[in-house]
């Protein structure tokens, strides 16, 4: 599965990354690669939680709008998300 991710470079040089299609699931990093890794982990955990609760998993929306009024740089990525293997819980019959 792939999700569109927006990354914004903050004034302090760090990066905020979020996935608009997933209720703005977000993470942060000191570097761009770190922010992308962290948001990938956050998306994976979010999707796994939805799956565990048997809630629908939203489709990606590749069309995003970014308000650039408060930032000098923003990037948009299509980030492939590795799905978790197995389940965290087991259910007794």
PDB file of N, CA and C in Angstrom:
ATOM      1  N   UNK A   1       0.842  -1.168   0.000  1.00  0.00           N
ATOM      2  CA  UNK A   1       0.000   0.000   0.000  1.00  0.00           C
ATOM      3  C   UNK A   1       0.887   1.231   0.000  1.00  0.00           C
ATOM      4  N   UNK A   2       0.391   2.288  -0.595  1.00  0.00           N
ATOM      5  CA  UNK A   2       1.154   3.526  -0.732  1.00  0.00           C
ATOM      6  C   UNK A   2       0.288   4.701  -0.273  1.00  0.00           C
ATOM      7  N   UNK A   3       0.890   5.617   0.449  1.00  0.00           N
ATOM      8  CA  UNK A   3       0.183   6.824   0.885  1.00  0.00           C
ATOM      9  C   UNK A   3       0.980   8.069   0.519  1.00  0.00           C
ATOM     10  N   UNK A   4       0.248   9.114   0.202  1.00  0.00           N
ATOM     11  CA  UNK A   4       0.847  10.415  -0.053  1.00  0.00           C
ATOM     12  C   UNK A   4       1.213  11.039   1.292  1.00  0.00           C
ATOM     13  N   UNK A   5       2.439  11.530   1.385  1.00  0.00           N
ATOM     14  CA  UNK A   5       2.948  12.134   2.617  1.00  0.00           C
ATOM     15  C   UNK A   5       3.467  13.527   2.297  1.00  0.00           C
ATOM     16  N   UNK A   6       3.109  14.489   3.120  1.00  0.00           N
ATOM     17  CA  UNK A   6       3.601  15.854   2.992  1.00  0.00           C
ATOM     18  C   UNK A   6       4.650  16.073   4.080  1.00  0.00           C
ATOM     19  N   UNK A   7       5.778  16.633   3.686  1.00  0.00           N
ATOM     20  CA  UNK A   7       6.854  16.932   4.635  1.00  0.00           C
ATOM     21  C   UNK A   7       7.106  18.432   4.594  1.00  0.00           C
ATOM     22  N   UNK A   8       7.122  19.024   5.765  1.00  0.00           N
ATOM     23  CA  UNK A   8       7.352  20.467   5.880  1.00  0.00           C
ATOM     24  C   UNK A   8       8.636  20.690   6.675  1.00  0.00           C
ATOM     25  N   UNK A   9       9.512  21.530   6.136  1.00  0.00           N
ATOM     26  CA  UNK A   9      10.722  21.898   6.868  1.00  0.00           C
ATOM     27  C   UNK A   9      10.373  23.035   7.816  1.00  0.00           C
ATOM     28  N   UNK A  10      10.592  22.791   9.104  1.00  0.00           N
ATOM     29  CA  UNK A  10      10.256  23.776  10.130  1.00  0.00           C
ATOM     30  C   UNK A  10      11.348  24.832  10.237  1.00  0.00           C
ATOM     31  N   UNK A  11      11.038  25.933  10.888  1.00  0.00           N
ATOM     32  CA  UNK A  11      11.994  27.032  11.033  1.00  0.00           C
ATOM     33  C   UNK A  11      13.271  26.610  11.764  1.00  0.00           C
ATOM     34  N   UNK A  12      13.146  25.636  12.660  1.00  0.00           N
ATOM     35  CA  UNK A  12      14.317  25.187  13.423  1.00  0.00           C
ATOM     36  C   UNK A  12      15.155  24.163  12.657  1.00  0.00           C
ATOM     37  N   UNK A  13      14.766  23.853  11.403  1.00  0.00           N
ATOM     38  CA  UNK A  13      15.532  22.925  10.578  1.00  0.00           C
ATOM     39  C   UNK A  13      15.046  21.491  10.633  1.00  0.00           C
ATOM     40  N   UNK A  14      14.155  21.176  11.571  1.00  0.00           N
ATOM     41  CA  UNK A  14      13.599  19.828  11.648  1.00  0.00           C
ATOM     42  C   UNK A  14      12.459  19.677  10.656  1.00  0.00           C
ATOM     43  N   UNK A  15      11.946  18.450  10.525  1.00  0.00           N
ATOM     44  CA  UNK A  15      10.919  18.152   9.537  1.00  0.00           C
ATOM     45  C   UNK A  15       9.686  17.537  10.198  1.00  0.00           C
ATOM     46  N   UNK A  16       8.521  17.976   9.743  1.00  0.00           N
ATOM     47  CA  UNK A  16       7.246  17.394  10.129  1.00  0.00           C
ATOM     48  C   UNK A  16       6.698  16.675   8.907  1.00  0.00           C
ATOM     49  N   UNK A  17       6.265  15.419   9.096  1.00  0.00           N
ATOM     50  CA  UNK A  17       5.719  14.637   7.991  1.00  0.00           C
ATOM     51  C   UNK A  17       4.338  14.134   8.384  1.00  0.00           C
ATOM     52  N   UNK A  18       3.373  14.232   7.448  1.00  0.00           N
ATOM     53  CA  UNK A  18       2.025  13.766   7.761  1.00  0.00           C
ATOM     54  C   UNK A  18       1.342  13.193   6.523  1.00  0.00           C
ATOM     55  N   UNK A  19       0.369  12.326   6.789  1.00  0.00           N
ATOM     56  CA  UNK A  19      -0.404  11.662   5.739  1.00  0.00           C
ATOM     57  C   UNK A  19      -1.832  12.193   5.772  1.00  0.00           C
ATOM     58  N   UNK A  20      -2.197  13.082   4.852  1.00  0.00           N
ATOM     59  CA  UNK A  20      -3.525  13.688   4.865  1.00  0.00           C
ATOM     60  C   UNK A  20      -4.676  12.680   4.800  1.00  0.00           C
ATOM     61  N   UNK A  21      -4.507  11.588   4.074  1.00  0.00           N
ATOM     62  CA  UNK A  21      -5.595  10.611   3.917  1.00  0.00           C
ATOM     63  C   UNK A  21      -5.864   9.826   5.194  1.00  0.00           C
ATOM     64  N   UNK A  22      -4.953   9.894   6.152  1.00  0.00           N
ATOM     65  CA  UNK A  22      -5.083   9.119   7.395  1.00  0.00           C
ATOM     66  C   UNK A  22      -5.246  10.047   8.595  1.00  0.00           C
ATOM     67  N   UNK A  23      -6.187  10.945   8.489  1.00  0.00           N
ATOM     68  CA  UNK A  23      -6.451  11.902   9.575  1.00  0.00           C
ATOM     69  C   UNK A  23      -5.184  12.639  10.007  1.00  0.00           C
ATOM     70  N   UNK A  24      -4.335  12.941   9.034  1.00  0.00           N
ATOM     71  CA  UNK A  24      -3.090  13.668   9.294  1.00  0.00           C
ATOM     72  C   UNK A  24      -2.185  12.960  10.300  1.00  0.00           C
ATOM     73  N   UNK A  25      -2.127  11.615  10.236  1.00  0.00           N
ATOM     74  CA  UNK A  25      -1.136  10.877  11.034  1.00  0.00           C
ATOM     75  C   UNK A  25       0.203  11.552  10.779  1.00  0.00           C
ATOM     76  N   UNK A  26       0.917  11.879  11.851  1.00  0.00           N
ATOM     77  CA  UNK A  26       2.136  12.681  11.687  1.00  0.00           C
ATOM     78  C   UNK A  26       3.272  12.156  12.536  1.00  0.00           C
ATOM     79  N   UNK A  27       4.460  12.585  12.160  1.00  0.00           N
ATOM     80  CA  UNK A  27       5.655  12.325  12.935  1.00  0.00           C
ATOM     81  C   UNK A  27       6.669  13.412  12.617  1.00  0.00           C
ATOM     82  N   UNK A  28       7.814  13.332  13.277  1.00  0.00           N
ATOM     83  CA  UNK A  28       8.817  14.372  13.152  1.00  0.00           C
ATOM     84  C   UNK A  28      10.191  13.743  13.033  1.00  0.00           C
ATOM     85  N   UNK A  29      11.145  14.503  12.535  1.00  0.00           N
ATOM     86  CA  UNK A  29      12.518  14.021  12.457  1.00  0.00           C
ATOM     87  C   UNK A  29      13.479  15.179  12.368  1.00  0.00           C
ATOM     88  N   UNK A  30      14.703  14.935  12.825  1.00  0.00           N
ATOM     89  CA  UNK A  30      15.749  15.962  12.727  1.00  0.00           C
ATOM     90  C   UNK A  30      16.245  16.113  11.297  1.00  0.00           C
ATOM     91  N   UNK A  31      16.103  15.029  10.503  1.00  0.00           N
ATOM     92  CA  UNK A  31      16.506  15.052   9.096  1.00  0.00           C
ATOM     93  C   UNK A  31      15.326  14.575   8.248  1.00  0.00           C
ATOM     94  N   UNK A  32      15.403  14.846   6.960  1.00  0.00           N
ATOM     95  CA  UNK A  32      14.344  14.395   6.057  1.00  0.00           C
ATOM     96  C   UNK A  32      14.217  12.870   6.060  1.00  0.00           C
ATOM     97  N   UNK A  33      15.312  12.106   5.925  1.00  0.00           N
ATOM     98  CA  UNK A  33      15.179  10.644   5.969  1.00  0.00           C
ATOM     99  C   UNK A  33      14.574  10.140   7.288  1.00  0.00           C
ATOM    100  N   UNK A  34      14.963  10.770   8.389  1.00  0.00           N
ATOM    101  CA  UNK A  34      14.422  10.356   9.682  1.00  0.00           C
ATOM    102  C   UNK A  34      12.920  10.640   9.750  1.00  0.00           C
ATOM    103  N   UNK A  35      12.494  11.790   9.272  1.00  0.00           N
ATOM    104  CA  UNK A  35      11.066  12.129   9.278  1.00  0.00           C
ATOM    105  C   UNK A  35      10.269  11.145   8.425  1.00  0.00           C
ATOM    106  N   UNK A  36      10.806  10.775   7.263  1.00  0.00           N
ATOM    107  CA  UNK A  36      10.121   9.810   6.403  1.00  0.00           C
ATOM    108  C   UNK A  36      10.038   8.437   7.069  1.00  0.00           C
ATOM    109  N   UNK A  37      11.108   8.019   7.709  1.00  0.00           N
ATOM    110  CA  UNK A  37      11.095   6.734   8.409  1.00  0.00           C
ATOM    111  C   UNK A  37      10.085   6.748   9.555  1.00  0.00           C
ATOM    112  N   UNK A  38      10.079   7.823  10.306  1.00  0.00           N
ATOM    113  CA  UNK A  38       9.182   7.924  11.454  1.00  0.00           C
ATOM    114  C   UNK A  38       7.719   7.957  11.027  1.00  0.00           C
ATOM    115  N   UNK A  39       7.406   8.684   9.959  1.00  0.00           N
ATOM    116  CA  UNK A  39       6.015   8.742   9.522  1.00  0.00           C
ATOM    117  C   UNK A  39       5.594   7.399   8.918  1.00  0.00           C
ATOM    118  N   UNK A  40       6.529   6.695   8.261  1.00  0.00           N
ATOM    119  CA  UNK A  40       6.204   5.357   7.755  1.00  0.00           C
ATOM    120  C   UNK A  40       5.816   4.438   8.916  1.00  0.00           C
ATOM    121  N   UNK A  41       6.577   4.492  10.006  1.00  0.00           N
ATOM    122  CA  UNK A  41       6.265   3.683  11.185  1.00  0.00           C
ATOM    123  C   UNK A  41       4.923   4.086  11.796  1.00  0.00           C
ATOM    124  N   UNK A  42       4.644   5.387  11.839  1.00  0.00           N
ATOM    125  CA  UNK A  42       3.373   5.862  12.392  1.00  0.00           C
ATOM    126  C   UNK A  42       2.192   5.401  11.537  1.00  0.00           C
ATOM    127  N   UNK A  43       2.343   5.480  10.218  1.00  0.00           N
ATOM    128  CA  UNK A  43       1.284   5.026   9.312  1.00  0.00           C
ATOM    129  C   UNK A  43       1.070   3.531   9.481  1.00  0.00           C
ATOM    130  N   UNK A  44       2.144   2.765   9.533  1.00  0.00           N
ATOM    131  CA  UNK A  44       2.049   1.314   9.702  1.00  0.00           C
ATOM    132  C   UNK A  44       1.291   0.972  10.980  1.00  0.00           C
ATOM    133  N   UNK A  45       1.639   1.630  12.077  1.00  0.00           N
ATOM    134  CA  UNK A  45       0.971   1.377  13.353  1.00  0.00           C
ATOM    135  C   UNK A  45      -0.505   1.762  13.292  1.00  0.00           C
ATOM    136  N   UNK A  46      -0.800   2.879  12.652  1.00  0.00           N
ATOM    137  CA  UNK A  46      -2.182   3.340  12.528  1.00  0.00           C
ATOM    138  C   UNK A  46      -3.015   2.342  11.725  1.00  0.00           C
ATOM    139  N   UNK A  47      -2.473   1.905  10.580  1.00  0.00           N
ATOM    140  CA  UNK A  47      -3.192   0.952   9.729  1.00  0.00           C
ATOM    141  C   UNK A  47      -3.377  -0.377  10.461  1.00  0.00           C
ATOM    142  N   UNK A  48      -2.357  -0.814  11.188  1.00  0.00           N
ATOM    143  CA  UNK A  48      -2.465  -2.058  11.943  1.00  0.00           C
ATOM    144  C   UNK A  48      -3.559  -1.950  13.010  1.00  0.00           C
ATOM    145  N   UNK A  49      -3.639  -0.805  13.671  1.00  0.00           N
ATOM    146  CA  UNK A  49      -4.689  -0.593  14.677  1.00  0.00           C
ATOM    147  C   UNK A  49      -6.071  -0.638  14.037  1.00  0.00           C
ATOM    148  N   UNK A  50      -6.220   0.024  12.893  1.00  0.00           N
ATOM    149  CA  UNK A  50      -7.505  -0.029  12.189  1.00  0.00           C
ATOM    150  C   UNK A  50      -7.862  -1.464  11.837  1.00  0.00           C
ATOM    151  N   UNK A  51      -6.892  -2.193  11.325  1.00  0.00           N
ATOM    152  CA  UNK A  51      -7.119  -3.586  10.928  1.00  0.00           C
ATOM    153  C   UNK A  51      -7.493  -4.435  12.146  1.00  0.00           C
ATOM    154  N   UNK A  52      -6.776  -4.276  13.265  1.00  0.00           N
ATOM    155  CA  UNK A  52      -7.071  -5.036  14.485  1.00  0.00           C
ATOM    156  C   UNK A  52      -8.486  -4.778  14.992  1.00  0.00           C
ATOM    157  N   UNK A  53      -8.956  -3.554  14.810  1.00  0.00           N
ATOM    158  CA  UNK A  53     -10.306  -3.193  15.277  1.00  0.00           C
ATOM    159  C   UNK A  53     -11.378  -3.462  14.218  1.00  0.00           C
ATOM    160  N   UNK A  54     -10.904  -3.975  13.070  1.00  0.00           N
ATOM    161  CA  UNK A  54     -11.783  -4.276  11.938  1.00  0.00           C
ATOM    162  C   UNK A  54     -12.522  -3.026  11.448  1.00  0.00           C
ATOM    163  N   UNK A  55     -11.818  -1.902  11.473  1.00  0.00           N
ATOM    164  CA  UNK A  55     -12.328  -0.652  10.940  1.00  0.00           C
ATOM    165  C   UNK A  55     -11.810  -0.487   9.519  1.00  0.00           C
ATOM    166  N   UNK A  56     -12.511   0.268   8.692  1.00  0.00           N
ATOM    167  CA  UNK A  56     -12.046   0.446   7.309  1.00  0.00           C
ATOM    168  C   UNK A  56     -10.726   1.210   7.242  1.00  0.00           C
ATOM    169  N   UNK A  57      -9.905   0.797   6.299  1.00  0.00           N
ATOM    170  CA  UNK A  57      -8.620   1.465   6.069  1.00  0.00           C
ATOM    171  C   UNK A  57      -8.810   2.437   4.908  1.00  0.00           C
ATOM    172  N   UNK A  58      -8.618   3.728   5.140  1.00  0.00           N
ATOM    173  CA  UNK A  58      -8.844   4.716   4.082  1.00  0.00           C
ATOM    174  C   UNK A  58      -7.912   4.519   2.891  1.00  0.00           C
ATOM    175  N   UNK A  59      -8.446   4.777   1.711  1.00  0.00           N
ATOM    176  CA  UNK A  59      -7.623   4.805   0.509  1.00  0.00           C
ATOM    177  C   UNK A  59      -6.805   6.084   0.512  1.00  0.00           C
ATOM    178  N   UNK A  60      -5.702   6.054  -0.188  1.00  0.00           N
ATOM    179  CA  UNK A  60      -4.878   7.248  -0.323  1.00  0.00           C
ATOM    180  C   UNK A  60      -5.602   8.272  -1.184  1.00  0.00           C
ATOM    181  N   UNK A  61      -5.372   9.528  -0.909  1.00  0.00           N
ATOM    182  CA  UNK A  61      -5.833  10.620  -1.757  1.00  0.00           C
ATOM    183  C   UNK A  61      -4.587  11.350  -2.239  1.00  0.00           C
ATOM    184  N   UNK A  62      -4.173  11.094  -3.490  1.00  0.00           N
ATOM    185  CA  UNK A  62      -2.921  11.689  -3.966  1.00  0.00           C
ATOM    186  C   UNK A  62      -3.000  13.196  -4.222  1.00  0.00           C
ATOM    187  N   UNK A  63      -4.183  13.780  -4.124  1.00  0.00           N
ATOM    188  CA  UNK A  63      -4.304  15.231  -4.309  1.00  0.00           C
ATOM    189  C   UNK A  63      -4.302  15.896  -2.944  1.00  0.00           C
ATOM    190  N   UNK A  64      -3.259  16.670  -2.678  1.00  0.00           N
ATOM    191  CA  UNK A  64      -3.139  17.346  -1.394  1.00  0.00           C
ATOM    192  C   UNK A  64      -2.958  18.838  -1.607  1.00  0.00           C
ATOM    193  N   UNK A  65      -3.374  19.597  -0.616  1.00  0.00           N
ATOM    194  CA  UNK A  65      -3.176  21.040  -0.620  1.00  0.00           C
ATOM    195  C   UNK A  65      -2.302  21.384   0.576  1.00  0.00           C
ATOM    196  N   UNK A  66      -1.261  22.167   0.338  1.00  0.00           N
ATOM    197  CA  UNK A  66      -0.349  22.554   1.399  1.00  0.00           C
ATOM    198  C   UNK A  66      -0.383  24.064   1.525  1.00  0.00           C
ATOM    199  N   UNK A  67      -0.658  24.548   2.749  1.00  0.00           N
ATOM    200  CA  UNK A  67      -0.635  25.980   3.026  1.00  0.00           C
ATOM    201  C   UNK A  67       0.821  26.387   3.250  1.00  0.00           C
ATOM    202  N   UNK A  68       1.374  27.127   2.320  1.00  0.00           N
ATOM    203  CA  UNK A  68       2.783  27.510   2.379  1.00  0.00           C
ATOM    204  C   UNK A  68       3.012  28.840   3.100  1.00  0.00           C
ATOM    205  N   UNK A  69       1.976  29.404   3.695  1.00  0.00           N
ATOM    206  CA  UNK A  69       2.139  30.720   4.303  1.00  0.00           C
ATOM    207  C   UNK A  69       3.085  30.720   5.500  1.00  0.00           C
ATOM    208  N   UNK A  70       3.218  29.584   6.182  1.00  0.00           N
ATOM    209  CA  UNK A  70       4.066  29.539   7.373  1.00  0.00           C
ATOM    210  C   UNK A  70       5.352  28.750   7.179  1.00  0.00           C
ATOM    211  N   UNK A  71       5.649  28.352   5.947  1.00  0.00           N
ATOM    212  CA  UNK A  71       6.841  27.547   5.717  1.00  0.00           C
ATOM    213  C   UNK A  71       7.527  27.935   4.413  1.00  0.00           C
ATOM    214  N   UNK A  72       8.830  27.738   4.388  1.00  0.00           N
ATOM    215  CA  UNK A  72       9.590  28.057   3.176  1.00  0.00           C
ATOM    216  C   UNK A  72       9.722  26.849   2.258  1.00  0.00           C
ATOM    217  N   UNK A  73       9.666  25.627   2.844  1.00  0.00           N
ATOM    218  CA  UNK A  73       9.852  24.419   2.048  1.00  0.00           C
ATOM    219  C   UNK A  73       8.835  23.349   2.430  1.00  0.00           C
ATOM    220  N   UNK A  74       8.314  22.667   1.411  1.00  0.00           N
ATOM    221  CA  UNK A  74       7.439  21.512   1.628  1.00  0.00           C
ATOM    222  C   UNK A  74       7.703  20.525   0.507  1.00  0.00           C
ATOM    223  N   UNK A  75       7.567  19.262   0.827  1.00  0.00           N
ATOM    224  CA  UNK A  75       7.798  18.192  -0.140  1.00  0.00           C
ATOM    225  C   UNK A  75       6.618  17.240  -0.091  1.00  0.00           C
ATOM    226  N   UNK A  76       6.311  16.620  -1.211  1.00  0.00           N
ATOM    227  CA  UNK A  76       5.241  15.622  -1.260  1.00  0.00           C
ATOM    228  C   UNK A  76       5.845  14.329  -1.794  1.00  0.00           C
ATOM    229  N   UNK A  77       5.598  13.241  -1.073  1.00  0.00           N
ATOM    230  CA  UNK A  77       6.120  11.926  -1.449  1.00  0.00           C
ATOM    231  C   UNK A  77       4.979  10.927  -1.539  1.00  0.00           C
ATOM    232  N   UNK A  78       5.170   9.908  -2.368  1.00  0.00           N
ATOM    233  CA  UNK A  78       4.305   8.722  -2.376  1.00  0.00           C
ATOM    234  C   UNK A  78       5.122   7.662  -1.651  1.00  0.00           C
ATOM    235  N   UNK A  79       4.709   7.334  -0.443  1.00  0.00           N
ATOM    236  CA  UNK A  79       5.499   6.489   0.433  1.00  0.00           C
ATOM    237  C   UNK A  79       4.919   5.083   0.508  1.00  0.00           C
ATOM    238  N   UNK A  80       5.680   4.076   0.035  1.00  0.00           N
ATOM    239  CA  UNK A  80       5.192   2.697   0.180  1.00  0.00           C
ATOM    240  C   UNK A  80       5.280   2.280   1.650  1.00  0.00           C
ATOM    241  N   UNK A  81       4.212   1.688   2.131  1.00  0.00           N
ATOM    242  CA  UNK A  81       4.126   1.290   3.531  1.00  0.00           C
ATOM    243  C   UNK A  81       4.179  -0.224   3.619  1.00  0.00           C
ATOM    244  N   UNK A  82       5.121  -0.712   4.398  1.00  0.00           N
ATOM    245  CA  UNK A  82       5.201  -2.156   4.633  1.00  0.00           C
ATOM    246  C   UNK A  82       4.123  -2.546   5.620  1.00  0.00           C
ATOM    247  N   UNK A  83       3.373  -3.562   5.244  1.00  0.00           N
ATOM    248  CA  UNK A  83       2.311  -4.009   6.134  1.00  0.00           C
ATOM    249  C   UNK A  83       2.886  -4.911   7.210  1.00  0.00           C
ATOM    250  N   UNK A  84       2.302  -4.807   8.385  1.00  0.00           N
ATOM    251  CA  UNK A  84       2.748  -5.629   9.503  1.00  0.00           C
ATOM    252  C   UNK A  84       2.422  -7.090   9.219  1.00  0.00           C
ATOM    253  N   UNK A  85       3.269  -7.977   9.699  1.00  0.00           N
ATOM    254  CA  UNK A  85       3.008  -9.400   9.527  1.00  0.00           C
ATOM    255  C   UNK A  85       2.485  -9.964  10.830  1.00  0.00           C
ATOM    256  N   UNK A  86       1.442 -10.752  10.728  1.00  0.00           N
ATOM    257  CA  UNK A  86       0.852 -11.345  11.910  1.00  0.00           C
ATOM    258  C   UNK A  86       0.004 -10.355  12.666  1.00  0.00           C
ATOM    259  N   UNK A  87      -0.540 -10.800  13.762  1.00  0.00           N
ATOM    260  CA  UNK A  87      -1.410  -9.962  14.580  1.00  0.00           C
ATOM    261  C   UNK A  87      -0.799  -9.821  15.965  1.00  0.00           C
ATOM    262  N   UNK A  88      -1.035  -8.694  16.575  1.00  0.00           N
ATOM    263  CA  UNK A  88      -0.513  -8.483  17.926  1.00  0.00           C
ATOM    264  C   UNK A  88      -1.318  -9.236  18.966  1.00  0.00           C
ATOM    265  N   UNK A  89      -2.551  -9.610  18.637  1.00  0.00           N
ATOM    266  CA  UNK A  89      -3.392 -10.263  19.621  1.00  0.00           C
ATOM    267  C   UNK A  89      -3.851 -11.609  19.097  1.00  0.00           C
ATOM    268  N   UNK A  90      -4.094 -12.499  20.035  1.00  0.00           N
ATOM    269  CA  UNK A  90      -4.680 -13.787  19.682  1.00  0.00           C
ATOM    270  C   UNK A  90      -5.993 -13.896  20.395  1.00  0.00           C
ATOM    271  N   UNK A  91      -6.940 -14.525  19.761  1.00  0.00           N
ATOM    272  CA  UNK A  91      -8.272 -14.643  20.342  1.00  0.00           C
ATOM    273  C   UNK A  91      -8.548 -16.099  20.657  1.00  0.00           C
ATOM    274  N   UNK A  92      -9.019 -16.327  21.875  1.00  0.00           N
ATOM    275  CA  UNK A  92      -9.369 -17.689  22.279  1.00  0.00           C
ATOM    276  C   UNK A  92     -10.753 -18.033  21.750  1.00  0.00           C
ATOM    277  N   UNK A  93     -10.924 -19.276  21.389  1.00  0.00           N
ATOM    278  CA  UNK A  93     -12.231 -19.710  20.864  1.00  0.00           C
ATOM    279  C   UNK A  93     -13.164 -20.049  21.989  1.00  0.00           C
TER     280      UNK A  93
END
